[in-house]
Amino acid sequence: MTIPTTLLSSGHPMPLLGLGTWPLDDHASARAVESAMGLGYRLVDTASRYENEVGVGQGLAASGVDRAELFITTKLRGADQGYDATRDALHASLDRLGLDYVDLYLIHWPLPRLDRYVESYRAMIDLAAEGLVRSIGVSNFREHHLDRLIAETSHVPAVNQIQLSPALARTDLRRYLTDRGITVEGWSPLGQEEGVLTEPVIQEIAAAHGRSPGQVVLRWHVQQGIVTIPKSASPERQRSNAEIFDFALTEDDMARIAGLDRGEDAARDSDEHEEF
């Protein structure tokens, strides 16, 4: 299958649907990535913090897919924030992945208590200029983090990967990102912690379209131009997750799904959450 792409502000196309790999270990990641590549996936999302980059790299190598077709994302963990540490961390990630460059490098969390995300981002700008990264961005950043980052570096991130589902629609933050040309990417897209798949509205819309609840929720993402990265180690579920580009939700469907939003306060607090 062919998965559509969206064009990043950096000029590089990014698939609208990819494979998330948290919390898979190296062995499970290798199998999941190889399976997904065989089904037509080209975007794979990992992170240093996930401790599965070796497995992701093994799966990519085993798939036999040409490197030029792939879009590989990894993330800078909190323990590696800072200019020199960020540079070293990217090289370590490349070694674990077995790659010469990554397509997208993200700061995993802002960790404002450390106050190192601006210097980390400056290192990422330099790494991109050196060809080790194609596009750079952030993850879990709110408006005030981005305002400061852009003001102090004069560089607008290509992507902000945020917790996002129909229960956590993040409407104001998404509007802010879109206004600045920052592509929105959602993690935990199926809203399993919030019970999105069992919501009667989702199940009713799924029945009306002859689709699964998961397909309806993923369609909600891509129909709005949001990049989505559901995790699955099952080839059957990977296939089902990707079969969302041959139907569309109606305006009424979208309006009903909008009623599931629990508001910004329900999302994880990017000022308080710490990940190292």
C-alpha atoms as a PDB file:
ATOM      1  CA  MET A   1       0.000   0.000   0.000  1.00  0.00           C
ATOM      2  CA  THR A   2       1.065   3.604  -0.550  1.00  0.00           C
ATOM      3  CA  ILE A   3       0.791   6.008   2.378  1.00  0.00           C
ATOM      4  CA  PRO A   4       0.286   9.713   1.542  1.00  0.00           C
ATOM      5  CA  THR A   5       2.771  12.311   2.759  1.00  0.00           C
ATOM      6  CA  THR A   6       2.711  15.854   4.072  1.00  0.00           C
ATOM      7  CA  LEU A   7       5.410  18.380   3.196  1.00  0.00           C
ATOM      8  CA  LEU A   8       7.425  19.689   6.133  1.00  0.00           C
ATOM      9  CA  SER A   9       8.633  23.281   6.301  1.00  0.00           C
ATOM     10  CA  SER A  10      12.139  21.872   5.827  1.00  0.00           C
ATOM     11  CA  GLY A  11      11.108  20.786   2.338  1.00  0.00           C
ATOM     12  CA  HIS A  12      11.044  17.055   3.078  1.00  0.00           C
ATOM     13  CA  PRO A  13       7.931  14.875   2.692  1.00  0.00           C
ATOM     14  CA  MET A  14       6.795  12.950   5.787  1.00  0.00           C
ATOM     15  CA  PRO A  15       4.334  10.041   5.676  1.00  0.00           C
ATOM     16  CA  LEU A  16       1.004  10.784   7.357  1.00  0.00           C
ATOM     17  CA  LEU A  17       1.011   7.353   9.000  1.00  0.00           C
ATOM     18  CA  GLY A  18       3.916   5.560  10.612  1.00  0.00           C
ATOM     19  CA  LEU A  19       4.845   2.925  13.150  1.00  0.00           C
ATOM     20  CA  GLY A  20       5.298   3.851  16.800  1.00  0.00           C
ATOM     21  CA  THR A  21       7.658   1.584  18.750  1.00  0.00           C
ATOM     22  CA  TRP A  22       7.149   2.435  22.441  1.00  0.00           C
ATOM     23  CA  PRO A  23       7.301   0.270  24.594  1.00  0.00           C
ATOM     24  CA  LEU A  24       8.666  -2.508  22.371  1.00  0.00           C
ATOM     25  CA  ASP A  25      12.089  -3.939  23.233  1.00  0.00           C
ATOM     26  CA  ASP A  26      14.827  -4.540  20.661  1.00  0.00           C
ATOM     27  CA  HIS A  27      13.600  -7.999  19.659  1.00  0.00           C
ATOM     28  CA  ALA A  28       9.952  -6.972  19.301  1.00  0.00           C
ATOM     29  CA  SER A  29      10.920  -3.744  17.541  1.00  0.00           C
ATOM     30  CA  ALA A  30      13.012  -5.578  14.954  1.00  0.00           C
ATOM     31  CA  ARG A  31      10.116  -7.882  14.093  1.00  0.00           C
ATOM     32  CA  ALA A  32       7.524  -5.100  14.091  1.00  0.00           C
ATOM     33  CA  VAL A  33       9.603  -2.806  11.881  1.00  0.00           C
ATOM     34  CA  GLU A  34      10.383  -5.522   9.350  1.00  0.00           C
ATOM     35  CA  SER A  35       6.692  -6.460   9.179  1.00  0.00           C
ATOM     36  CA  ALA A  36       5.555  -2.852   8.788  1.00  0.00           C
ATOM     37  CA  MET A  37       8.090  -2.189   6.024  1.00  0.00           C
ATOM     38  CA  GLY A  38       6.712  -5.193   4.140  1.00  0.00           C
ATOM     39  CA  LEU A  39       3.215  -3.695   4.351  1.00  0.00           C
ATOM     40  CA  GLY A  40       4.290  -0.349   2.909  1.00  0.00           C
ATOM     41  CA  TYR A  41       5.083   1.683   6.012  1.00  0.00           C
ATOM     42  CA  ARG A  42       8.046   3.998   5.597  1.00  0.00           C
ATOM     43  CA  LEU A  43       7.876   6.157   8.767  1.00  0.00           C
ATOM     44  CA  VAL A  44       9.229   4.621  11.973  1.00  0.00           C
ATOM     45  CA  ASP A  45       9.278   6.513  15.273  1.00  0.00           C
ATOM     46  CA  THR A  46      11.727   5.659  18.044  1.00  0.00           C
ATOM     47  CA  ALA A  47      13.675   7.490  20.760  1.00  0.00           C
ATOM     48  CA  SER A  48      16.848   7.092  22.770  1.00  0.00           C
ATOM     49  CA  ARG A  49      14.654   6.816  25.867  1.00  0.00           C
ATOM     50  CA  TYR A  50      12.816   3.815  24.389  1.00  0.00           C
ATOM     51  CA  GLU A  51      16.075   1.818  24.376  1.00  0.00           C
ATOM     52  CA  ASN A  52      15.043  -0.016  21.211  1.00  0.00           C
ATOM     53  CA  GLU A  53      17.030   1.843  18.528  1.00  0.00           C
ATOM     54  CA  VAL A  54      19.211  -1.236  17.947  1.00  0.00           C
ATOM     55  CA  GLY A  55      16.138  -3.346  17.242  1.00  0.00           C
ATOM     56  CA  VAL A  56      14.621  -0.687  15.003  1.00  0.00           C
ATOM     57  CA  GLY A  57      17.841  -0.579  12.998  1.00  0.00           C
ATOM     58  CA  GLN A  58      17.883  -4.366  12.713  1.00  0.00           C
ATOM     59  CA  GLY A  59      14.325  -4.366  11.428  1.00  0.00           C
ATOM     60  CA  LEU A  60      15.110  -1.691   8.859  1.00  0.00           C
ATOM     61  CA  ALA A  61      18.141  -3.628   7.618  1.00  0.00           C
ATOM     62  CA  ALA A  62      16.218  -6.902   7.437  1.00  0.00           C
ATOM     63  CA  SER A  63      13.403  -5.279   5.456  1.00  0.00           C
ATOM     64  CA  GLY A  64      15.647  -4.538   2.491  1.00  0.00           C
ATOM     65  CA  VAL A  65      13.849  -1.238   1.837  1.00  0.00           C
ATOM     66  CA  ASP A  66      16.095   1.354   0.229  1.00  0.00           C
ATOM     67  CA  ARG A  67      17.247   3.995   2.716  1.00  0.00           C
ATOM     68  CA  ALA A  68      16.038   6.805   0.465  1.00  0.00           C
ATOM     69  CA  GLU A  69      12.446   5.561   0.879  1.00  0.00           C
ATOM     70  CA  LEU A  70      12.546   5.597   4.690  1.00  0.00           C
ATOM     71  CA  PHE A  71      11.620   8.315   7.153  1.00  0.00           C
ATOM     72  CA  ILE A  72      13.213   7.580  10.526  1.00  0.00           C
ATOM     73  CA  THR A  73      12.543   9.658  13.627  1.00  0.00           C
ATOM     74  CA  THR A  74      14.418   9.483  16.903  1.00  0.00           C
ATOM     75  CA  LYS A  75      14.460  11.747  19.953  1.00  0.00           C
ATOM     76  CA  LEU A  76      16.910  13.351  22.337  1.00  0.00           C
ATOM     77  CA  ARG A  77      16.423  12.091  25.868  1.00  0.00           C
ATOM     78  CA  GLY A  78      16.418  14.452  28.807  1.00  0.00           C
ATOM     79  CA  ALA A  79      19.707  13.153  30.216  1.00  0.00           C
ATOM     80  CA  ASP A  80      21.439  14.245  26.991  1.00  0.00           C
ATOM     81  CA  GLN A  81      20.194  17.818  26.790  1.00  0.00           C
ATOM     82  CA  GLY A  82      22.854  20.515  26.345  1.00  0.00           C
ATOM     83  CA  TYR A  83      24.867  21.525  23.270  1.00  0.00           C
ATOM     84  CA  ASP A  84      27.765  19.042  23.365  1.00  0.00           C
ATOM     85  CA  ALA A  85      25.681  16.249  24.892  1.00  0.00           C
ATOM     86  CA  THR A  86      23.075  16.612  22.138  1.00  0.00           C
ATOM     87  CA  ARG A  87      25.726  16.220  19.452  1.00  0.00           C
ATOM     88  CA  ASP A  88      27.134  13.127  21.160  1.00  0.00           C
ATOM     89  CA  ALA A  89      23.645  11.692  21.649  1.00  0.00           C
ATOM     90  CA  LEU A  90      22.767  11.963  17.963  1.00  0.00           C
ATOM     91  CA  HIS A  91      25.955  10.157  16.968  1.00  0.00           C
ATOM     92  CA  ALA A  92      25.162   7.417  19.504  1.00  0.00           C
ATOM     93  CA  SER A  93      21.629   7.066  18.127  1.00  0.00           C
ATOM     94  CA  LEU A  94      22.968   6.801  14.582  1.00  0.00           C
ATOM     95  CA  ASP A  95      25.363   4.060  15.681  1.00  0.00           C
ATOM     96  CA  ARG A  96      22.562   2.104  17.342  1.00  0.00           C
ATOM     97  CA  LEU A  97      20.271   2.523  14.335  1.00  0.00           C
ATOM     98  CA  GLY A  98      23.015   1.684  11.856  1.00  0.00           C
ATOM     99  CA  LEU A  99      22.238   4.829   9.843  1.00  0.00           C
ATOM    100  CA  ASP A 100      24.239   7.733   8.437  1.00  0.00           C
ATOM    101  CA  TYR A 101      21.454  10.230   9.153  1.00  0.00           C
ATOM    102  CA  VAL A 102      17.949  10.422  10.579  1.00  0.00           C
ATOM    103  CA  ASP A 103      15.078  12.116   8.823  1.00  0.00           C
ATOM    104  CA  LEU A 104      13.731  13.818  11.933  1.00  0.00           C
ATOM    105  CA  TYR A 105      15.365  14.533  15.290  1.00  0.00           C
ATOM    106  CA  LEU A 106      13.183  15.763  18.154  1.00  0.00           C
ATOM    107  CA  ILE A 107      13.759  17.068  21.665  1.00  0.00           C
ATOM    108  CA  HIS A 108      11.682  14.527  23.575  1.00  0.00           C
ATOM    109  CA  TRP A 109      10.441  16.824  26.396  1.00  0.00           C
ATOM    110  CA  PRO A 110      11.256  20.479  27.131  1.00  0.00           C
ATOM    111  CA  LEU A 111      12.276  19.864  30.793  1.00  0.00           C
ATOM    112  CA  PRO A 112      12.168  23.583  31.656  1.00  0.00           C
ATOM    113  CA  ARG A 113      13.697  22.918  35.083  1.00  0.00           C
ATOM    114  CA  LEU A 114      16.958  22.029  33.330  1.00  0.00           C
ATOM    115  CA  ASP A 115      16.732  25.068  31.037  1.00  0.00           C
ATOM    116  CA  ARG A 116      18.760  23.373  28.304  1.00  0.00           C
ATOM    117  CA  TYR A 117      16.281  22.968  25.473  1.00  0.00           C
ATOM    118  CA  VAL A 118      17.406  26.106  23.627  1.00  0.00           C
ATOM    119  CA  GLU A 119      21.082  25.098  23.568  1.00  0.00           C
ATOM    120  CA  SER A 120      20.055  21.549  22.639  1.00  0.00           C
ATOM    121  CA  TYR A 121      18.101  22.930  19.713  1.00  0.00           C
ATOM    122  CA  ARG A 122      21.073  25.026  18.612  1.00  0.00           C
ATOM    123  CA  ALA A 123      23.096  21.818  18.455  1.00  0.00           C
ATOM    124  CA  MET A 124      20.359  20.226  16.357  1.00  0.00           C
ATOM    125  CA  ILE A 125      20.450  23.158  13.915  1.00  0.00           C
ATOM    126  CA  ASP A 126      24.176  22.550  13.468  1.00  0.00           C
ATOM    127  CA  LEU A 127      23.680  18.788  13.088  1.00  0.00           C
ATOM    128  CA  ALA A 128      21.156  19.434  10.336  1.00  0.00           C
ATOM    129  CA  ALA A 129      23.604  21.765   8.585  1.00  0.00           C
ATOM    130  CA  GLU A 130      26.152  18.937   8.691  1.00  0.00           C
ATOM    131  CA  GLY A 131      23.725  16.528   6.984  1.00  0.00           C
ATOM    132  CA  LEU A 132      23.292  14.195   9.954  1.00  0.00           C
ATOM    133  CA  VAL A 133      19.629  15.171  10.314  1.00  0.00           C
ATOM    134  CA  ARG A 134      17.196  16.072   7.534  1.00  0.00           C
ATOM    135  CA  SER A 135      14.611  17.885   9.684  1.00  0.00           C
ATOM    136  CA  ILE A 136      14.539  18.959  13.310  1.00  0.00           C
ATOM    137  CA  GLY A 137      11.714  19.550  15.715  1.00  0.00           C
ATOM    138  CA  VAL A 138      10.377  19.081  19.209  1.00  0.00           C
ATOM    139  CA  SER A 139       8.016  16.866  21.155  1.00  0.00           C
ATOM    140  CA  ASN A 140       5.602  17.814  23.928  1.00  0.00           C
ATOM    141  CA  PHE A 141       6.315  21.546  23.624  1.00  0.00           C
ATOM    142  CA  ARG A 142       3.637  24.065  24.514  1.00  0.00           C
ATOM    143  CA  GLU A 143       3.203  27.557  23.063  1.00  0.00           C
ATOM    144  CA  HIS A 144       5.452  29.322  25.582  1.00  0.00           C
ATOM    145  CA  HIS A 145       8.283  26.824  25.060  1.00  0.00           C
ATOM    146  CA  LEU A 146       8.072  27.367  21.315  1.00  0.00           C
ATOM    147  CA  ASP A 147       7.842  31.142  21.605  1.00  0.00           C
ATOM    148  CA  ARG A 148      11.125  31.173  23.487  1.00  0.00           C
ATOM    149  CA  LEU A 149      12.807  28.617  21.221  1.00  0.00           C
ATOM    150  CA  ILE A 150      11.929  30.535  18.061  1.00  0.00           C
ATOM    151  CA  ALA A 151      12.847  33.906  19.553  1.00  0.00           C
ATOM    152  CA  GLU A 152      16.272  32.739  20.723  1.00  0.00           C
ATOM    153  CA  THR A 153      17.280  30.618  17.713  1.00  0.00           C
ATOM    154  CA  SER A 154      15.385  32.300  14.836  1.00  0.00           C
ATOM    155  CA  HIS A 155      14.488  28.777  13.680  1.00  0.00           C
ATOM    156  CA  VAL A 156      10.973  27.330  13.547  1.00  0.00           C
ATOM    157  CA  PRO A 157      10.760  23.582  14.258  1.00  0.00           C
ATOM    158  CA  ALA A 158       9.451  21.438  11.428  1.00  0.00           C
ATOM    159  CA  VAL A 159       7.386  19.197  13.739  1.00  0.00           C
ATOM    160  CA  ASN A 160       5.889  19.169  17.213  1.00  0.00           C
ATOM    161  CA  GLN A 161       4.936  15.657  18.322  1.00  0.00           C
ATOM    162  CA  ILE A 162       2.276  15.888  21.020  1.00  0.00           C
ATOM    163  CA  GLN A 163      -0.126  13.694  22.970  1.00  0.00           C
ATOM    164  CA  LEU A 164      -3.189  13.765  20.752  1.00  0.00           C
ATOM    165  CA  SER A 165      -6.446  11.880  20.303  1.00  0.00           C
ATOM    166  CA  PRO A 166     -10.148  12.733  20.027  1.00  0.00           C
ATOM    167  CA  ALA A 167     -10.188  12.928  23.832  1.00  0.00           C
ATOM    168  CA  LEU A 168      -7.168  15.261  23.806  1.00  0.00           C
ATOM    169  CA  ALA A 169      -7.772  17.270  20.644  1.00  0.00           C
ATOM    170  CA  ARG A 170      -5.410  20.127  21.628  1.00  0.00           C
ATOM    171  CA  THR A 171      -7.322  22.542  19.389  1.00  0.00           C
ATOM    172  CA  ASP A 172      -5.631  25.767  20.510  1.00  0.00           C
ATOM    173  CA  LEU A 173      -2.126  24.301  20.403  1.00  0.00           C
ATOM    174  CA  ARG A 174      -2.764  22.805  16.971  1.00  0.00           C
ATOM    175  CA  ARG A 175      -3.965  26.183  15.697  1.00  0.00           C
ATOM    176  CA  TYR A 176      -0.801  27.813  17.058  1.00  0.00           C
ATOM    177  CA  LEU A 177       1.374  25.209  15.314  1.00  0.00           C
ATOM    178  CA  THR A 178      -0.462  25.431  12.002  1.00  0.00           C
ATOM    179  CA  ASP A 179      -0.206  29.227  12.010  1.00  0.00           C
ATOM    180  CA  ARG A 180       3.576  28.882  12.231  1.00  0.00           C
ATOM    181  CA  GLY A 181       3.948  26.139   9.638  1.00  0.00           C
ATOM    182  CA  ILE A 182       4.808  23.486  12.234  1.00  0.00           C
ATOM    183  CA  THR A 183       3.523  20.023  11.339  1.00  0.00           C
ATOM    184  CA  VAL A 184       1.445  18.359  14.048  1.00  0.00           C
ATOM    185  CA  GLU A 185       2.270  14.758  14.910  1.00  0.00           C
ATOM    186  CA  GLY A 186       0.289  12.820  17.491  1.00  0.00           C
ATOM    187  CA  TRP A 187       1.495  10.197  19.946  1.00  0.00           C
ATOM    188  CA  SER A 188      -0.904   7.831  21.712  1.00  0.00           C
ATOM    189  CA  PRO A 189      -3.286   8.525  18.803  1.00  0.00           C
ATOM    190  CA  LEU A 190      -5.854   5.869  19.689  1.00  0.00           C
ATOM    191  CA  GLY A 191      -6.457   7.392  23.116  1.00  0.00           C
ATOM    192  CA  GLN A 192      -6.407   4.006  24.803  1.00  0.00           C
ATOM    193  CA  GLU A 193      -5.757   5.458  28.272  1.00  0.00           C
ATOM    194  CA  GLU A 194      -8.813   7.656  27.800  1.00  0.00           C
ATOM    195  CA  GLY A 195     -10.984   4.791  26.526  1.00  0.00           C
ATOM    196  CA  VAL A 196     -11.584   6.430  23.145  1.00  0.00           C
ATOM    197  CA  LEU A 197     -12.077   3.168  21.247  1.00  0.00           C
ATOM    198  CA  THR A 198     -14.966   2.141  23.487  1.00  0.00           C
ATOM    199  CA  GLU A 199     -16.788   5.462  23.258  1.00  0.00           C
ATOM    200  CA  PRO A 200     -20.304   4.874  21.835  1.00  0.00           C
ATOM    201  CA  VAL A 201     -19.838   7.700  19.316  1.00  0.00           C
ATOM    202  CA  ILE A 202     -16.707   6.075  17.881  1.00  0.00           C
ATOM    203  CA  GLN A 203     -18.335   2.658  17.754  1.00  0.00           C
ATOM    204  CA  GLU A 204     -21.447   4.013  16.055  1.00  0.00           C
ATOM    205  CA  ILE A 205     -19.411   5.848  13.395  1.00  0.00           C
ATOM    206  CA  ALA A 206     -17.298   2.735  12.847  1.00  0.00           C
ATOM    207  CA  ALA A 207     -20.393   0.607  12.305  1.00  0.00           C
ATOM    208  CA  ALA A 208     -21.829   3.148   9.871  1.00  0.00           C
ATOM    209  CA  HIS A 209     -18.664   3.038   7.747  1.00  0.00           C
ATOM    210  CA  GLY A 210     -18.044  -0.691   8.124  1.00  0.00           C
ATOM    211  CA  ARG A 211     -14.714   0.032   9.823  1.00  0.00           C
ATOM    212  CA  SER A 212     -13.082  -0.678  13.161  1.00  0.00           C
ATOM    213  CA  PRO A 213     -13.073   1.940  15.933  1.00  0.00           C
ATOM    214  CA  GLY A 214      -9.295   2.182  15.559  1.00  0.00           C
ATOM    215  CA  GLN A 215      -9.582   2.951  11.858  1.00  0.00           C
ATOM    216  CA  VAL A 216     -12.104   5.710  12.577  1.00  0.00           C
ATOM    217  CA  VAL A 217      -9.813   7.330  15.138  1.00  0.00           C
ATOM    218  CA  LEU A 218      -6.755   7.140  12.887  1.00  0.00           C
ATOM    219  CA  ARG A 219      -8.804   8.536  10.012  1.00  0.00           C
ATOM    220  CA  TRP A 220      -9.766  11.451  12.305  1.00  0.00           C
ATOM    221  CA  HIS A 221      -6.046  12.254  12.557  1.00  0.00           C
ATOM    222  CA  VAL A 222      -4.982  12.010   8.926  1.00  0.00           C
ATOM    223  CA  GLN A 223      -8.122  13.694   7.610  1.00  0.00           C
ATOM    224  CA  GLN A 224      -6.945  16.803   9.488  1.00  0.00           C
ATOM    225  CA  GLY A 225      -3.391  16.526   8.175  1.00  0.00           C
ATOM    226  CA  ILE A 226      -2.056  15.213  11.484  1.00  0.00           C
ATOM    227  CA  VAL A 227       0.797  12.693  11.280  1.00  0.00           C
ATOM    228  CA  THR A 228      -0.068   9.651  13.378  1.00  0.00           C
ATOM    229  CA  ILE A 229       2.136   6.844  14.708  1.00  0.00           C
ATOM    230  CA  PRO A 230       0.120   4.000  16.279  1.00  0.00           C
ATOM    231  CA  LYS A 231       2.207   1.263  17.878  1.00  0.00           C
ATOM    232  CA  SER A 232       1.539  -2.336  16.905  1.00  0.00           C
ATOM    233  CA  ALA A 233       3.667  -5.470  16.883  1.00  0.00           C
ATOM    234  CA  SER A 234       0.935  -7.403  15.048  1.00  0.00           C
ATOM    235  CA  PRO A 235       1.124  -7.544  11.233  1.00  0.00           C
ATOM    236  CA  GLU A 236      -2.660  -7.851  11.089  1.00  0.00           C
ATOM    237  CA  ARG A 237      -3.154  -4.750  13.217  1.00  0.00           C
ATOM    238  CA  GLN A 238      -0.480  -2.874  11.276  1.00  0.00           C
ATOM    239  CA  ARG A 239      -2.367  -3.626   8.079  1.00  0.00           C
ATOM    240  CA  SER A 240      -5.678  -2.555   9.577  1.00  0.00           C
ATOM    241  CA  ASN A 241      -4.157   0.678  10.880  1.00  0.00           C
ATOM    242  CA  ALA A 242      -2.922   1.540   7.397  1.00  0.00           C
ATOM    243  CA  GLU A 243      -6.238   0.854   5.650  1.00  0.00           C
ATOM    244  CA  ILE A 244      -7.640   4.319   6.359  1.00  0.00           C
ATOM    245  CA  PHE A 245      -7.051   6.142   3.102  1.00  0.00           C
ATOM    246  CA  ASP A 246      -9.987   4.718   1.132  1.00  0.00           C
ATOM    247  CA  PHE A 247     -12.819   6.271   3.149  1.00  0.00           C
ATOM    248  CA  ALA A 248     -13.626   9.642   4.715  1.00  0.00           C
ATOM    249  CA  LEU A 249     -15.448  10.805   7.793  1.00  0.00           C
ATOM    250  CA  THR A 250     -18.377  13.146   7.195  1.00  0.00           C
ATOM    251  CA  GLU A 251     -18.706  16.636   8.663  1.00  0.00           C
ATOM    252  CA  ASP A 252     -21.285  15.215  11.038  1.00  0.00           C
ATOM    253  CA  ASP A 253     -18.876  12.446  12.071  1.00  0.00           C
ATOM    254  CA  MET A 254     -16.167  15.013  12.805  1.00  0.00           C
ATOM    255  CA  ALA A 255     -18.576  17.181  14.797  1.00  0.00           C
ATOM    256  CA  ARG A 256     -19.697  14.244  16.917  1.00  0.00           C
ATOM    257  CA  ILE A 257     -16.099  13.188  17.568  1.00  0.00           C
ATOM    258  CA  ALA A 258     -15.281  16.757  18.619  1.00  0.00           C
ATOM    259  CA  GLY A 259     -17.622  16.265  21.545  1.00  0.00           C
ATOM    260  CA  LEU A 260     -15.181  13.764  23.064  1.00  0.00           C
ATOM    261  CA  ASP A 261     -12.525  16.403  23.765  1.00  0.00           C
ATOM    262  CA  ARG A 262     -11.732  16.683  27.464  1.00  0.00           C
ATOM    263  CA  GLY A 263      -9.702  19.865  27.157  1.00  0.00           C
ATOM    264  CA  GLU A 264      -6.052  20.825  27.408  1.00  0.00           C
ATOM    265  CA  ASP A 265      -5.825  20.167  31.135  1.00  0.00           C
ATOM    266  CA  ALA A 266      -6.339  16.444  30.510  1.00  0.00           C
ATOM    267  CA  ALA A 267      -3.042  16.198  28.615  1.00  0.00           C
ATOM    268  CA  ARG A 268       0.268  15.492  30.328  1.00  0.00           C
ATOM    269  CA  ASP A 269       1.793  18.683  31.747  1.00  0.00           C
ATOM    270  CA  SER A 270       4.857  19.601  29.679  1.00  0.00           C
ATOM    271  CA  ASP A 271       6.093  21.977  32.367  1.00  0.00           C
ATOM    272  CA  GLU A 272       6.068  19.324  35.059  1.00  0.00           C
ATOM    273  CA  HIS A 273       6.667  15.987  33.303  1.00  0.00           C
ATOM    274  CA  GLU A 274      10.300  14.907  33.313  1.00  0.00           C
ATOM    275  CA  GLU A 275      11.862  12.150  31.207  1.00  0.00           C
ATOM    276  CA  PHE A 276      15.521  11.244  31.368  1.00  0.00           C
END
